[in-house]
């Protein structure tokens, strides 16, 4: 019997994490757009000052981690649902491996890059 091998090994936990991560990303978007709308004309110094405050750095890190979890779970679900031997033949396993590896590399690079942007100074 095969078990789920998404992020947590449990479909219901993955579902919950994806929903929580979506809420975090929505809140982050609202905060950013709210700041932009309230500030009106702002320059780079004001933007950098806002984004580099400790609360925004922590919120940005949470958003990056949420995006990574959300993307991994979503792409894993797409690959396991649509890149199957039943639909694509025996080459599906190799294609799924390539696609999964590409997603792992992409989210890892994105995580390192995002953390560096907010925490490297």
PDB file of N, CA and C in Angstrom:
ATOM      1  N   UNK A   1       0.846  -1.185   0.000  1.00  0.00           N
ATOM      2  CA  UNK A   1       0.000   0.000   0.000  1.00  0.00           C
ATOM      3  C   UNK A   1       0.885   1.240   0.000  1.00  0.00           C
ATOM      4  N   UNK A   2       0.621   2.166  -0.926  1.00  0.00           N
ATOM      5  CA  UNK A   2       1.401   3.392  -1.031  1.00  0.00           C
ATOM      6  C   UNK A   2       0.829   4.443  -0.078  1.00  0.00           C
ATOM      7  N   UNK A   3       1.723   5.193   0.533  1.00  0.00           N
ATOM      8  CA  UNK A   3       1.263   6.282   1.386  1.00  0.00           C
ATOM      9  C   UNK A   3       1.613   7.610   0.724  1.00  0.00           C
ATOM     10  N   UNK A   4       0.976   8.653   1.176  1.00  0.00           N
ATOM     11  CA  UNK A   4       1.257   9.985   0.648  1.00  0.00           C
ATOM     12  C   UNK A   4       2.682  10.384   1.008  1.00  0.00           C
ATOM     13  N   UNK A   5       3.368  10.942   0.064  1.00  0.00           N
ATOM     14  CA  UNK A   5       4.744  11.374   0.325  1.00  0.00           C
ATOM     15  C   UNK A   5       4.924  12.836  -0.029  1.00  0.00           C
ATOM     16  N   UNK A   6       3.910  13.632   0.163  1.00  0.00           N
ATOM     17  CA  UNK A   6       4.007  15.058  -0.096  1.00  0.00           C
ATOM     18  C   UNK A   6       4.979  15.690   0.875  1.00  0.00           C
ATOM     19  N   UNK A   7       4.560  16.629   1.630  1.00  0.00           N
ATOM     20  CA  UNK A   7       5.436  17.305   2.577  1.00  0.00           C
ATOM     21  C   UNK A   7       5.485  16.566   3.910  1.00  0.00           C
ATOM     22  N   UNK A   8       4.340  16.131   4.391  1.00  0.00           N
ATOM     23  CA  UNK A   8       4.281  15.547   5.736  1.00  0.00           C
ATOM     24  C   UNK A   8       4.047  14.045   5.743  1.00  0.00           C
ATOM     25  N   UNK A   9       3.745  13.448   4.606  1.00  0.00           N
ATOM     26  CA  UNK A   9       3.427  12.028   4.561  1.00  0.00           C
ATOM     27  C   UNK A   9       1.966  11.748   4.838  1.00  0.00           C
ATOM     28  N   UNK A  10       1.184  12.793   5.025  1.00  0.00           N
ATOM     29  CA  UNK A  10      -0.247  12.652   5.291  1.00  0.00           C
ATOM     30  C   UNK A  10      -1.000  13.647   4.421  1.00  0.00           C
ATOM     31  N   UNK A  11      -1.955  13.144   3.673  1.00  0.00           N
ATOM     32  CA  UNK A  11      -2.733  14.017   2.807  1.00  0.00           C
ATOM     33  C   UNK A  11      -3.493  15.092   3.562  1.00  0.00           C
ATOM     34  N   UNK A  12      -4.049  14.746   4.711  1.00  0.00           N
ATOM     35  CA  UNK A  12      -4.822  15.743   5.465  1.00  0.00           C
ATOM     36  C   UNK A  12      -3.905  16.801   6.077  1.00  0.00           C
ATOM     37  N   UNK A  13      -2.726  16.409   6.524  1.00  0.00           N
ATOM     38  CA  UNK A  13      -1.774  17.414   7.048  1.00  0.00           C
ATOM     39  C   UNK A  13      -1.265  18.311   5.926  1.00  0.00           C
ATOM     40  N   UNK A  14      -0.986  17.731   4.766  1.00  0.00           N
ATOM     41  CA  UNK A  14      -0.568  18.543   3.618  1.00  0.00           C
ATOM     42  C   UNK A  14      -1.667  19.530   3.229  1.00  0.00           C
ATOM     43  N   UNK A  15      -2.911  19.045   3.207  1.00  0.00           N
ATOM     44  CA  UNK A  15      -4.046  19.915   2.894  1.00  0.00           C
ATOM     45  C   UNK A  15      -4.102  21.079   3.884  1.00  0.00           C
ATOM     46  N   UNK A  16      -3.953  20.784   5.172  1.00  0.00           N
ATOM     47  CA  UNK A  16      -4.008  21.824   6.203  1.00  0.00           C
ATOM     48  C   UNK A  16      -2.858  22.817   6.033  1.00  0.00           C
ATOM     49  N   UNK A  17      -1.658  22.325   5.802  1.00  0.00           N
ATOM     50  CA  UNK A  17      -0.499  23.208   5.617  1.00  0.00           C
ATOM     51  C   UNK A  17      -0.694  24.093   4.394  1.00  0.00           C
ATOM     52  N   UNK A  18      -1.236  23.537   3.336  1.00  0.00           N
ATOM     53  CA  UNK A  18      -1.450  24.346   2.140  1.00  0.00           C
ATOM     54  C   UNK A  18      -2.476  25.443   2.398  1.00  0.00           C
ATOM     55  N   UNK A  19      -3.504  25.146   3.162  1.00  0.00           N
ATOM     56  CA  UNK A  19      -4.507  26.178   3.472  1.00  0.00           C
ATOM     57  C   UNK A  19      -3.935  27.257   4.398  1.00  0.00           C
ATOM     58  N   UNK A  20      -3.184  26.847   5.406  1.00  0.00           N
ATOM     59  CA  UNK A  20      -2.568  27.823   6.318  1.00  0.00           C
ATOM     60  C   UNK A  20      -1.571  28.691   5.549  1.00  0.00           C
ATOM     61  N   UNK A  21      -0.781  28.073   4.687  1.00  0.00           N
ATOM     62  CA  UNK A  21       0.194  28.849   3.915  1.00  0.00           C
ATOM     63  C   UNK A  21      -0.512  29.835   2.986  1.00  0.00           C
ATOM     64  N   UNK A  22      -1.659  29.455   2.448  1.00  0.00           N
ATOM     65  CA  UNK A  22      -2.420  30.374   1.599  1.00  0.00           C
ATOM     66  C   UNK A  22      -2.910  31.580   2.402  1.00  0.00           C
ATOM     67  N   UNK A  23      -3.321  31.358   3.630  1.00  0.00           N
ATOM     68  CA  UNK A  23      -3.764  32.467   4.485  1.00  0.00           C
ATOM     69  C   UNK A  23      -2.584  33.394   4.798  1.00  0.00           C
ATOM     70  N   UNK A  24      -1.435  32.822   5.106  1.00  0.00           N
ATOM     71  CA  UNK A  24      -0.242  33.641   5.383  1.00  0.00           C
ATOM     72  C   UNK A  24       0.117  34.473   4.155  1.00  0.00           C
ATOM     73  N   UNK A  25       0.108  33.861   2.979  1.00  0.00           N
ATOM     74  CA  UNK A  25       0.449  34.587   1.756  1.00  0.00           C
ATOM     75  C   UNK A  25      -0.583  35.677   1.447  1.00  0.00           C
ATOM     76  N   UNK A  26      -1.847  35.402   1.700  1.00  0.00           N
ATOM     77  CA  UNK A  26      -2.885  36.416   1.488  1.00  0.00           C
ATOM     78  C   UNK A  26      -2.693  37.585   2.455  1.00  0.00           C
ATOM     79  N   UNK A  27      -2.412  37.291   3.718  1.00  0.00           N
ATOM     80  CA  UNK A  27      -2.187  38.353   4.700  1.00  0.00           C
ATOM     81  C   UNK A  27      -0.965  39.183   4.330  1.00  0.00           C
ATOM     82  N   UNK A  28       0.091  38.534   3.890  1.00  0.00           N
ATOM     83  CA  UNK A  28       1.306  39.237   3.483  1.00  0.00           C
ATOM     84  C   UNK A  28       1.007  40.174   2.307  1.00  0.00           C
ATOM     85  N   UNK A  29       0.231  39.692   1.350  1.00  0.00           N
ATOM     86  CA  UNK A  29      -0.141  40.510   0.198  1.00  0.00           C
ATOM     87  C   UNK A  29      -0.968  41.716   0.635  1.00  0.00           C
ATOM     88  N   UNK A  30      -1.913  41.508   1.535  1.00  0.00           N
ATOM     89  CA  UNK A  30      -2.744  42.612   2.032  1.00  0.00           C
ATOM     90  C   UNK A  30      -1.890  43.651   2.747  1.00  0.00           C
ATOM     91  N   UNK A  31      -0.944  43.201   3.570  1.00  0.00           N
ATOM     92  CA  UNK A  31      -0.065  44.136   4.289  1.00  0.00           C
ATOM     93  C   UNK A  31       0.766  44.952   3.297  1.00  0.00           C
ATOM     94  N   UNK A  32       1.354  44.283   2.311  1.00  0.00           N
ATOM     95  CA  UNK A  32       2.171  45.005   1.335  1.00  0.00           C
ATOM     96  C   UNK A  32       1.348  46.009   0.541  1.00  0.00           C
ATOM     97  N   UNK A  33       0.214  45.568  -0.005  1.00  0.00           N
ATOM     98  CA  UNK A  33      -0.621  46.486  -0.775  1.00  0.00           C
ATOM     99  C   UNK A  33      -1.213  47.578   0.111  1.00  0.00           C
ATOM    100  N   UNK A  34      -1.547  47.246   1.343  1.00  0.00           N
ATOM    101  CA  UNK A  34      -2.043  48.261   2.276  1.00  0.00           C
ATOM    102  C   UNK A  34      -1.011  49.339   2.529  1.00  0.00           C
ATOM    103  N   UNK A  35       0.233  48.933   2.738  1.00  0.00           N
ATOM    104  CA  UNK A  35       1.309  49.910   2.960  1.00  0.00           C
ATOM    105  C   UNK A  35       1.496  50.779   1.717  1.00  0.00           C
ATOM    106  N   UNK A  36       1.493  50.153   0.538  1.00  0.00           N
ATOM    107  CA  UNK A  36       1.670  50.903  -0.710  1.00  0.00           C
ATOM    108  C   UNK A  36       0.537  51.903  -0.904  1.00  0.00           C
ATOM    109  N   UNK A  37      -0.703  51.478  -0.652  1.00  0.00           N
ATOM    110  CA  UNK A  37      -1.848  52.375  -0.836  1.00  0.00           C
ATOM    111  C   UNK A  37      -1.848  53.508   0.184  1.00  0.00           C
ATOM    112  N   UNK A  38      -1.439  53.213   1.419  1.00  0.00           N
ATOM    113  CA  UNK A  38      -1.422  54.259   2.452  1.00  0.00           C
ATOM    114  C   UNK A  38      -0.272  55.239   2.263  1.00  0.00           C
ATOM    115  N   UNK A  39       0.839  54.761   1.750  1.00  0.00           N
ATOM    116  CA  UNK A  39       2.016  55.616   1.580  1.00  0.00           C
ATOM    117  C   UNK A  39       1.907  56.508   0.364  1.00  0.00           C
ATOM    118  N   UNK A  40       1.265  56.036  -0.684  1.00  0.00           N
ATOM    119  CA  UNK A  40       1.183  56.834  -1.905  1.00  0.00           C
ATOM    120  C   UNK A  40       2.545  56.956  -2.555  1.00  0.00           C
ATOM    121  N   UNK A  41       3.056  58.182  -2.633  1.00  0.00           N
ATOM    122  CA  UNK A  41       4.368  58.408  -3.242  1.00  0.00           C
ATOM    123  C   UNK A  41       5.468  58.094  -2.253  1.00  0.00           C
ATOM    124  N   UNK A  42       6.202  57.041  -2.490  1.00  0.00           N
ATOM    125  CA  UNK A  42       7.287  56.669  -1.595  1.00  0.00           C
ATOM    126  C   UNK A  42       8.520  56.371  -2.434  1.00  0.00           C
ATOM    127  N   UNK A  43       9.655  56.443  -1.800  1.00  0.00           N
ATOM    128  CA  UNK A  43      10.903  56.169  -2.512  1.00  0.00           C
ATOM    129  C   UNK A  43      11.529  54.880  -1.980  1.00  0.00           C
ATOM    130  N   UNK A  44      12.673  54.544  -2.542  1.00  0.00           N
ATOM    131  CA  UNK A  44      13.351  53.310  -2.167  1.00  0.00           C
ATOM    132  C   UNK A  44      13.707  53.286  -0.688  1.00  0.00           C
ATOM    133  N   UNK A  45      14.143  54.393  -0.153  1.00  0.00           N
ATOM    134  CA  UNK A  45      14.546  54.454   1.257  1.00  0.00           C
ATOM    135  C   UNK A  45      13.369  54.129   2.175  1.00  0.00           C
ATOM    136  N   UNK A  46      12.208  54.654   1.878  1.00  0.00           N
ATOM    137  CA  UNK A  46      11.022  54.363   2.697  1.00  0.00           C
ATOM    138  C   UNK A  46      10.627  52.892   2.562  1.00  0.00           C
ATOM    139  N   UNK A  47      10.667  52.379   1.331  1.00  0.00           N
ATOM    140  CA  UNK A  47      10.320  50.977   1.102  1.00  0.00           C
ATOM    141  C   UNK A  47      11.298  50.066   1.835  1.00  0.00           C
ATOM    142  N   UNK A  48      12.584  50.323   1.679  1.00  0.00           N
ATOM    143  CA  UNK A  48      13.598  49.504   2.348  1.00  0.00           C
ATOM    144  C   UNK A  48      13.462  49.627   3.862  1.00  0.00           C
ATOM    145  N   UNK A  49      13.177  50.837   4.344  1.00  0.00           N
ATOM    146  CA  UNK A  49      12.983  51.036   5.772  1.00  0.00           C
ATOM    147  C   UNK A  49      11.822  50.210   6.306  1.00  0.00           C
ATOM    148  N   UNK A  50      10.730  50.166   5.559  1.00  0.00           N
ATOM    149  CA  UNK A  50       9.566  49.374   5.951  1.00  0.00           C
ATOM    150  C   UNK A  50       9.867  47.883   5.915  1.00  0.00           C
ATOM    151  N   UNK A  51      10.457  47.418   4.820  1.00  0.00           N
ATOM    152  CA  UNK A  51      10.702  45.986   4.645  1.00  0.00           C
ATOM    153  C   UNK A  51      11.789  45.452   5.574  1.00  0.00           C
ATOM    154  N   UNK A  52      12.684  46.300   6.025  1.00  0.00           N
ATOM    155  CA  UNK A  52      13.785  45.831   6.867  1.00  0.00           C
ATOM    156  C   UNK A  52      13.523  46.008   8.368  1.00  0.00           C
ATOM    157  N   UNK A  53      12.292  46.366   8.730  1.00  0.00           N
ATOM    158  CA  UNK A  53      11.959  46.364  10.160  1.00  0.00           C
ATOM    159  C   UNK A  53      11.865  44.907  10.610  1.00  0.00           C
ATOM    160  N   UNK A  54      12.125  44.660  11.868  1.00  0.00           N
ATOM    161  CA  UNK A  54      12.108  43.281  12.363  1.00  0.00           C
ATOM    162  C   UNK A  54      10.765  42.577  12.135  1.00  0.00           C
ATOM    163  N   UNK A  55       9.628  43.222  12.398  1.00  0.00           N
ATOM    164  CA  UNK A  55       8.359  42.531  12.137  1.00  0.00           C
ATOM    165  C   UNK A  55       8.183  42.145  10.666  1.00  0.00           C
ATOM    166  N   UNK A  56       8.581  43.025   9.742  1.00  0.00           N
ATOM    167  CA  UNK A  56       8.432  42.696   8.317  1.00  0.00           C
ATOM    168  C   UNK A  56       9.441  41.649   7.880  1.00  0.00           C
ATOM    169  N   UNK A  57      10.635  41.661   8.464  1.00  0.00           N
ATOM    170  CA  UNK A  57      11.609  40.617   8.135  1.00  0.00           C
ATOM    171  C   UNK A  57      11.087  39.245   8.576  1.00  0.00           C
ATOM    172  N   UNK A  58      10.506  39.194   9.760  1.00  0.00           N
ATOM    173  CA  UNK A  58       9.947  37.931  10.259  1.00  0.00           C
ATOM    174  C   UNK A  58       8.741  37.517   9.422  1.00  0.00           C
ATOM    175  N   UNK A  59       7.867  38.480   9.111  1.00  0.00           N
ATOM    176  CA  UNK A  59       6.684  38.198   8.299  1.00  0.00           C
ATOM    177  C   UNK A  59       7.100  37.753   6.895  1.00  0.00           C
ATOM    178  N   UNK A  60       8.136  38.384   6.345  1.00  0.00           N
ATOM    179  CA  UNK A  60       8.639  38.008   5.019  1.00  0.00           C
ATOM    180  C   UNK A  60       9.229  36.599   5.046  1.00  0.00           C
ATOM    181  N   UNK A  61       9.953  36.265   6.100  1.00  0.00           N
ATOM    182  CA  UNK A  61      10.490  34.909   6.229  1.00  0.00           C
ATOM    183  C   UNK A  61       9.353  33.896   6.311  1.00  0.00           C
ATOM    184  N   UNK A  62       8.328  34.213   7.082  1.00  0.00           N
ATOM    185  CA  UNK A  62       7.158  33.336   7.179  1.00  0.00           C
ATOM    186  C   UNK A  62       6.479  33.191   5.818  1.00  0.00           C
ATOM    187  N   UNK A  63       6.398  34.290   5.069  1.00  0.00           N
ATOM    188  CA  UNK A  63       5.794  34.237   3.735  1.00  0.00           C
ATOM    189  C   UNK A  63       6.636  33.384   2.783  1.00  0.00           C
ATOM    190  N   UNK A  64       7.953  33.508   2.862  1.00  0.00           N
ATOM    191  CA  UNK A  64       8.833  32.691   2.010  1.00  0.00           C
ATOM    192  C   UNK A  64       8.652  31.210   2.340  1.00  0.00           C
ATOM    193  N   UNK A  65       8.670  30.877   3.614  1.00  0.00           N
ATOM    194  CA  UNK A  65       8.493  29.479   4.010  1.00  0.00           C
ATOM    195  C   UNK A  65       7.101  28.966   3.622  1.00  0.00           C
ATOM    196  N   UNK A  66       6.092  29.817   3.736  1.00  0.00           N
ATOM    197  CA  UNK A  66       4.737  29.440   3.332  1.00  0.00           C
ATOM    198  C   UNK A  66       4.665  29.204   1.827  1.00  0.00           C
ATOM    199  N   UNK A  67       5.321  30.073   1.061  1.00  0.00           N
ATOM    200  CA  UNK A  67       5.318  29.899  -0.387  1.00  0.00           C
ATOM    201  C   UNK A  67       6.013  28.601  -0.780  1.00  0.00           C
ATOM    202  N   UNK A  68       7.100  28.278  -0.115  1.00  0.00           N
ATOM    203  CA  UNK A  68       7.823  27.044  -0.412  1.00  0.00           C
ATOM    204  C   UNK A  68       6.948  25.826  -0.098  1.00  0.00           C
ATOM    205  N   UNK A  69       6.336  25.806   1.071  1.00  0.00           N
ATOM    206  CA  UNK A  69       5.469  24.676   1.434  1.00  0.00           C
ATOM    207  C   UNK A  69       4.285  24.583   0.478  1.00  0.00           C
ATOM    208  N   UNK A  70       3.679  25.716   0.178  1.00  0.00           N
ATOM    209  CA  UNK A  70       2.510  25.748  -0.699  1.00  0.00           C
ATOM    210  C   UNK A  70       2.877  25.248  -2.096  1.00  0.00           C
ATOM    211  N   UNK A  71       3.988  25.728  -2.612  1.00  0.00           N
ATOM    212  CA  UNK A  71       4.425  25.325  -3.951  1.00  0.00           C
ATOM    213  C   UNK A  71       4.787  23.847  -3.994  1.00  0.00           C
ATOM    214  N   UNK A  72       5.524  23.372  -2.991  1.00  0.00           N
ATOM    215  CA  UNK A  72       5.930  21.971  -3.003  1.00  0.00           C
ATOM    216  C   UNK A  72       4.710  21.048  -2.964  1.00  0.00           C
ATOM    217  N   UNK A  73       3.788  21.312  -2.052  1.00  0.00           N
ATOM    218  CA  UNK A  73       2.606  20.460  -1.934  1.00  0.00           C
ATOM    219  C   UNK A  73       1.783  20.520  -3.221  1.00  0.00           C
ATOM    220  N   UNK A  74       1.578  21.717  -3.731  1.00  0.00           N
ATOM    221  CA  UNK A  74       0.788  21.866  -4.952  1.00  0.00           C
ATOM    222  C   UNK A  74       1.412  21.173  -6.147  1.00  0.00           C
ATOM    223  N   UNK A  75       2.702  21.354  -6.341  1.00  0.00           N
ATOM    224  CA  UNK A  75       3.362  20.727  -7.494  1.00  0.00           C
ATOM    225  C   UNK A  75       3.437  19.217  -7.321  1.00  0.00           C
ATOM    226  N   UNK A  76       3.673  18.758  -6.100  1.00  0.00           N
ATOM    227  CA  UNK A  76       3.689  17.306  -5.866  1.00  0.00           C
ATOM    228  C   UNK A  76       2.328  16.708  -6.231  1.00  0.00           C
ATOM    229  N   UNK A  77       1.261  17.398  -5.856  1.00  0.00           N
ATOM    230  CA  UNK A  77      -0.077  16.905  -6.177  1.00  0.00           C
ATOM    231  C   UNK A  77      -0.319  16.891  -7.684  1.00  0.00           C
ATOM    232  N   UNK A  78       0.110  17.940  -8.363  1.00  0.00           N
ATOM    233  CA  UNK A  78      -0.054  17.987  -9.818  1.00  0.00           C
ATOM    234  C   UNK A  78       0.726  16.852 -10.471  1.00  0.00           C
ATOM    235  N   UNK A  79       1.973  16.661 -10.061  1.00  0.00           N
ATOM    236  CA  UNK A  79       2.794  15.611 -10.672  1.00  0.00           C
ATOM    237  C   UNK A  79       2.211  14.221 -10.415  1.00  0.00           C
ATOM    238  N   UNK A  80       1.766  13.958  -9.193  1.00  0.00           N
ATOM    239  CA  UNK A  80       1.234  12.626  -8.909  1.00  0.00           C
ATOM    240  C   UNK A  80      -0.139  12.409  -9.543  1.00  0.00           C
ATOM    241  N   UNK A  81      -0.885  13.471  -9.772  1.00  0.00           N
ATOM    242  CA  UNK A  81      -2.200  13.333 -10.398  1.00  0.00           C
ATOM    243  C   UNK A  81      -2.136  13.257 -11.919  1.00  0.00           C
ATOM    244  N   UNK A  82      -1.217  13.997 -12.535  1.00  0.00           N
ATOM    245  CA  UNK A  82      -1.244  14.142 -13.991  1.00  0.00           C
ATOM    246  C   UNK A  82      -0.041  13.555 -14.723  1.00  0.00           C
ATOM    247  N   UNK A  83       1.052  13.288 -14.035  1.00  0.00           N
ATOM    248  CA  UNK A  83       2.213  12.661 -14.685  1.00  0.00           C
ATOM    249  C   UNK A  83       2.237  11.214 -14.209  1.00  0.00           C
ATOM    250  N   UNK A  84       1.390  10.412 -14.832  1.00  0.00           N
ATOM    251  CA  UNK A  84       1.235   9.012 -14.416  1.00  0.00           C
ATOM    252  C   UNK A  84       1.495   8.086 -15.592  1.00  0.00           C
ATOM    253  N   UNK A  85       1.858   6.857 -15.273  1.00  0.00           N
ATOM    254  CA  UNK A  85       2.084   5.865 -16.325  1.00  0.00           C
ATOM    255  C   UNK A  85       0.789   5.529 -17.045  1.00  0.00           C
ATOM    256  N   UNK A  86      -0.316   5.654 -16.364  1.00  0.00           N
ATOM    257  CA  UNK A  86      -1.613   5.376 -16.985  1.00  0.00           C
ATOM    258  C   UNK A  86      -1.899   6.389 -18.100  1.00  0.00           C
ATOM    259  N   UNK A  87      -1.487   7.634 -17.899  1.00  0.00           N
ATOM    260  CA  UNK A  87      -1.771   8.676 -18.877  1.00  0.00           C
ATOM    261  C   UNK A  87      -0.632   8.882 -19.872  1.00  0.00           C
ATOM    262  N   UNK A  88       0.616   8.636 -19.436  1.00  0.00           N
ATOM    263  CA  UNK A  88       1.749   8.983 -20.279  1.00  0.00           C
ATOM    264  C   UNK A  88       2.645   7.800 -20.643  1.00  0.00           C
ATOM    265  N   UNK A  89       2.363   6.652 -20.110  1.00  0.00           N
ATOM    266  CA  UNK A  89       3.190   5.492 -20.402  1.00  0.00           C
ATOM    267  C   UNK A  89       4.378   5.394 -19.448  1.00  0.00           C
ATOM    268  N   UNK A  90       5.317   4.502 -19.748  1.00  0.00           N
ATOM    269  CA  UNK A  90       6.440   4.247 -18.842  1.00  0.00           C
ATOM    270  C   UNK A  90       7.370   5.442 -18.649  1.00  0.00           C
ATOM    271  N   UNK A  91       7.381   6.386 -19.581  1.00  0.00           N
ATOM    272  CA  UNK A  91       8.271   7.543 -19.447  1.00  0.00           C
ATOM    273  C   UNK A  91       7.828   8.505 -18.345  1.00  0.00           C
ATOM    274  N   UNK A  92       6.628   8.317 -17.814  1.00  0.00           N
ATOM    275  CA  UNK A  92       6.098   9.224 -16.800  1.00  0.00           C
ATOM    276  C   UNK A  92       6.945   9.219 -15.529  1.00  0.00           C
ATOM    277  N   UNK A  93       7.462   8.059 -15.138  1.00  0.00           N
ATOM    278  CA  UNK A  93       8.260   7.994 -13.911  1.00  0.00           C
ATOM    279  C   UNK A  93       9.517   8.844 -14.035  1.00  0.00           C
ATOM    280  N   UNK A  94      10.193   8.759 -15.169  1.00  0.00           N
ATOM    281  CA  UNK A  94      11.386   9.574 -15.390  1.00  0.00           C
ATOM    282  C   UNK A  94      11.052  11.052 -15.457  1.00  0.00           C
ATOM    283  N   UNK A  95       9.958  11.379 -16.147  1.00  0.00           N
ATOM    284  CA  UNK A  95       9.534  12.778 -16.245  1.00  0.00           C
ATOM    285  C   UNK A  95       9.163  13.324 -14.878  1.00  0.00           C
ATOM    286  N   UNK A  96       8.441  12.519 -14.094  1.00  0.00           N
ATOM    287  CA  UNK A  96       8.056  12.954 -12.745  1.00  0.00           C
ATOM    288  C   UNK A  96       9.298  13.195 -11.883  1.00  0.00           C
ATOM    289  N   UNK A  97      10.302  12.345 -12.016  1.00  0.00           N
ATOM    290  CA  UNK A  97      11.553  12.530 -11.272  1.00  0.00           C
ATOM    291  C   UNK A  97      12.246  13.829 -11.669  1.00  0.00           C
ATOM    292  N   UNK A  98      12.303  14.097 -12.957  1.00  0.00           N
ATOM    293  CA  UNK A  98      12.929  15.335 -13.452  1.00  0.00           C
ATOM    294  C   UNK A  98      12.159  16.552 -12.953  1.00  0.00           C
ATOM    295  N   UNK A  99      10.847  16.525 -13.076  1.00  0.00           N
ATOM    296  CA  UNK A  99      10.020  17.658 -12.645  1.00  0.00           C
ATOM    297  C   UNK A  99      10.116  17.869 -11.136  1.00  0.00           C
ATOM    298  N   UNK A 100      10.062  16.795 -10.374  1.00  0.00           N
ATOM    299  CA  UNK A 100      10.159  16.903  -8.916  1.00  0.00           C
ATOM    300  C   UNK A 100      11.518  17.456  -8.510  1.00  0.00           C
ATOM    301  N   UNK A 101      12.564  16.989  -9.147  1.00  0.00           N
ATOM    302  CA  UNK A 101      13.903  17.489  -8.857  1.00  0.00           C
ATOM    303  C   UNK A 101      14.005  18.976  -9.182  1.00  0.00           C
ATOM    304  N   UNK A 102      13.431  19.389 -10.309  1.00  0.00           N
ATOM    305  CA  UNK A 102      13.448  20.803 -10.684  1.00  0.00           C
ATOM    306  C   UNK A 102      12.723  21.659  -9.647  1.00  0.00           C
ATOM    307  N   UNK A 103      11.596  21.179  -9.154  1.00  0.00           N
ATOM    308  CA  UNK A 103      10.852  21.930  -8.138  1.00  0.00           C
ATOM    309  C   UNK A 103      11.651  22.003  -6.843  1.00  0.00           C
ATOM    310  N   UNK A 104      12.264  20.898  -6.439  1.00  0.00           N
ATOM    311  CA  UNK A 104      13.077  20.899  -5.213  1.00  0.00           C
ATOM    312  C   UNK A 104      14.214  21.914  -5.328  1.00  0.00           C
ATOM    313  N   UNK A 105      14.893  21.910  -6.454  1.00  0.00           N
ATOM    314  CA  UNK A 105      15.997  22.864  -6.660  1.00  0.00           C
ATOM    315  C   UNK A 105      15.464  24.292  -6.650  1.00  0.00           C
ATOM    316  N   UNK A 106      14.351  24.524  -7.346  1.00  0.00           N
ATOM    317  CA  UNK A 106      13.789  25.875  -7.415  1.00  0.00           C
ATOM    318  C   UNK A 106      13.379  26.394  -6.042  1.00  0.00           C
ATOM    319  N   UNK A 107      12.681  25.592  -5.244  1.00  0.00           N
ATOM    320  CA  UNK A 107      12.250  26.092  -3.935  1.00  0.00           C
ATOM    321  C   UNK A 107      13.430  26.248  -2.983  1.00  0.00           C
ATOM    322  N   UNK A 108      14.447  25.400  -3.118  1.00  0.00           N
ATOM    323  CA  UNK A 108      15.644  25.543  -2.290  1.00  0.00           C
ATOM    324  C   UNK A 108      16.376  26.839  -2.633  1.00  0.00           C
ATOM    325  N   UNK A 109      16.571  27.111  -3.919  1.00  0.00           N
ATOM    326  CA  UNK A 109      17.231  28.349  -4.350  1.00  0.00           C
ATOM    327  C   UNK A 109      16.417  29.554  -3.909  1.00  0.00           C
ATOM    328  N   UNK A 110      15.104  29.487  -4.085  1.00  0.00           N
ATOM    329  CA  UNK A 110      14.242  30.590  -3.677  1.00  0.00           C
ATOM    330  C   UNK A 110      14.346  30.837  -2.171  1.00  0.00           C
ATOM    331  N   UNK A 111      14.373  29.795  -1.386  1.00  0.00           N
ATOM    332  CA  UNK A 111      14.477  29.943   0.071  1.00  0.00           C
ATOM    333  C   UNK A 111      15.790  30.612   0.456  1.00  0.00           C
ATOM    334  N   UNK A 112      16.890  30.126  -0.090  1.00  0.00           N
ATOM    335  CA  UNK A 112      18.199  30.710   0.228  1.00  0.00           C
ATOM    336  C   UNK A 112      18.256  32.163  -0.224  1.00  0.00           C
ATOM    337  N   UNK A 113      17.774  32.433  -1.415  1.00  0.00           N
ATOM    338  CA  UNK A 113      17.792  33.791  -1.957  1.00  0.00           C
ATOM    339  C   UNK A 113      16.934  34.730  -1.103  1.00  0.00           C
ATOM    340  N   UNK A 114      15.727  34.304  -0.757  1.00  0.00           N
ATOM    341  CA  UNK A 114      14.850  35.129   0.063  1.00  0.00           C
ATOM    342  C   UNK A 114      15.420  35.390   1.446  1.00  0.00           C
ATOM    343  N   UNK A 115      15.979  34.359   2.060  1.00  0.00           N
ATOM    344  CA  UNK A 115      16.581  34.539   3.387  1.00  0.00           C
ATOM    345  C   UNK A 115      17.772  35.490   3.303  1.00  0.00           C
ATOM    346  N   UNK A 116      18.559  35.343   2.248  1.00  0.00           N
ATOM    347  CA  UNK A 116      19.704  36.242   2.070  1.00  0.00           C
ATOM    348  C   UNK A 116      19.264  37.686   1.910  1.00  0.00           C
ATOM    349  N   UNK A 117      18.204  37.937   1.159  1.00  0.00           N
ATOM    350  CA  UNK A 117      17.729  39.292   0.945  1.00  0.00           C
ATOM    351  C   UNK A 117      17.352  39.958   2.264  1.00  0.00           C
ATOM    352  N   UNK A 118      16.649  39.235   3.112  1.00  0.00           N
ATOM    353  CA  UNK A 118      16.138  39.845   4.334  1.00  0.00           C
ATOM    354  C   UNK A 118      17.090  39.758   5.534  1.00  0.00           C
ATOM    355  N   UNK A 119      17.985  38.793   5.565  1.00  0.00           N
ATOM    356  CA  UNK A 119      18.761  38.572   6.775  1.00  0.00           C
ATOM    357  C   UNK A 119      20.279  38.686   6.593  1.00  0.00           C
ATOM    358  N   UNK A 120      20.770  38.990   5.399  1.00  0.00           N
ATOM    359  CA  UNK A 120      22.213  38.996   5.156  1.00  0.00           C
ATOM    360  C   UNK A 120      22.886  40.310   5.521  1.00  0.00           C
ATOM    361  N   UNK A 121      22.168  41.303   5.965  1.00  0.00           N
ATOM    362  CA  UNK A 121      22.837  42.580   6.268  1.00  0.00           C
ATOM    363  C   UNK A 121      23.165  42.727   7.726  1.00  0.00           C
TER     364      UNK A 121
END
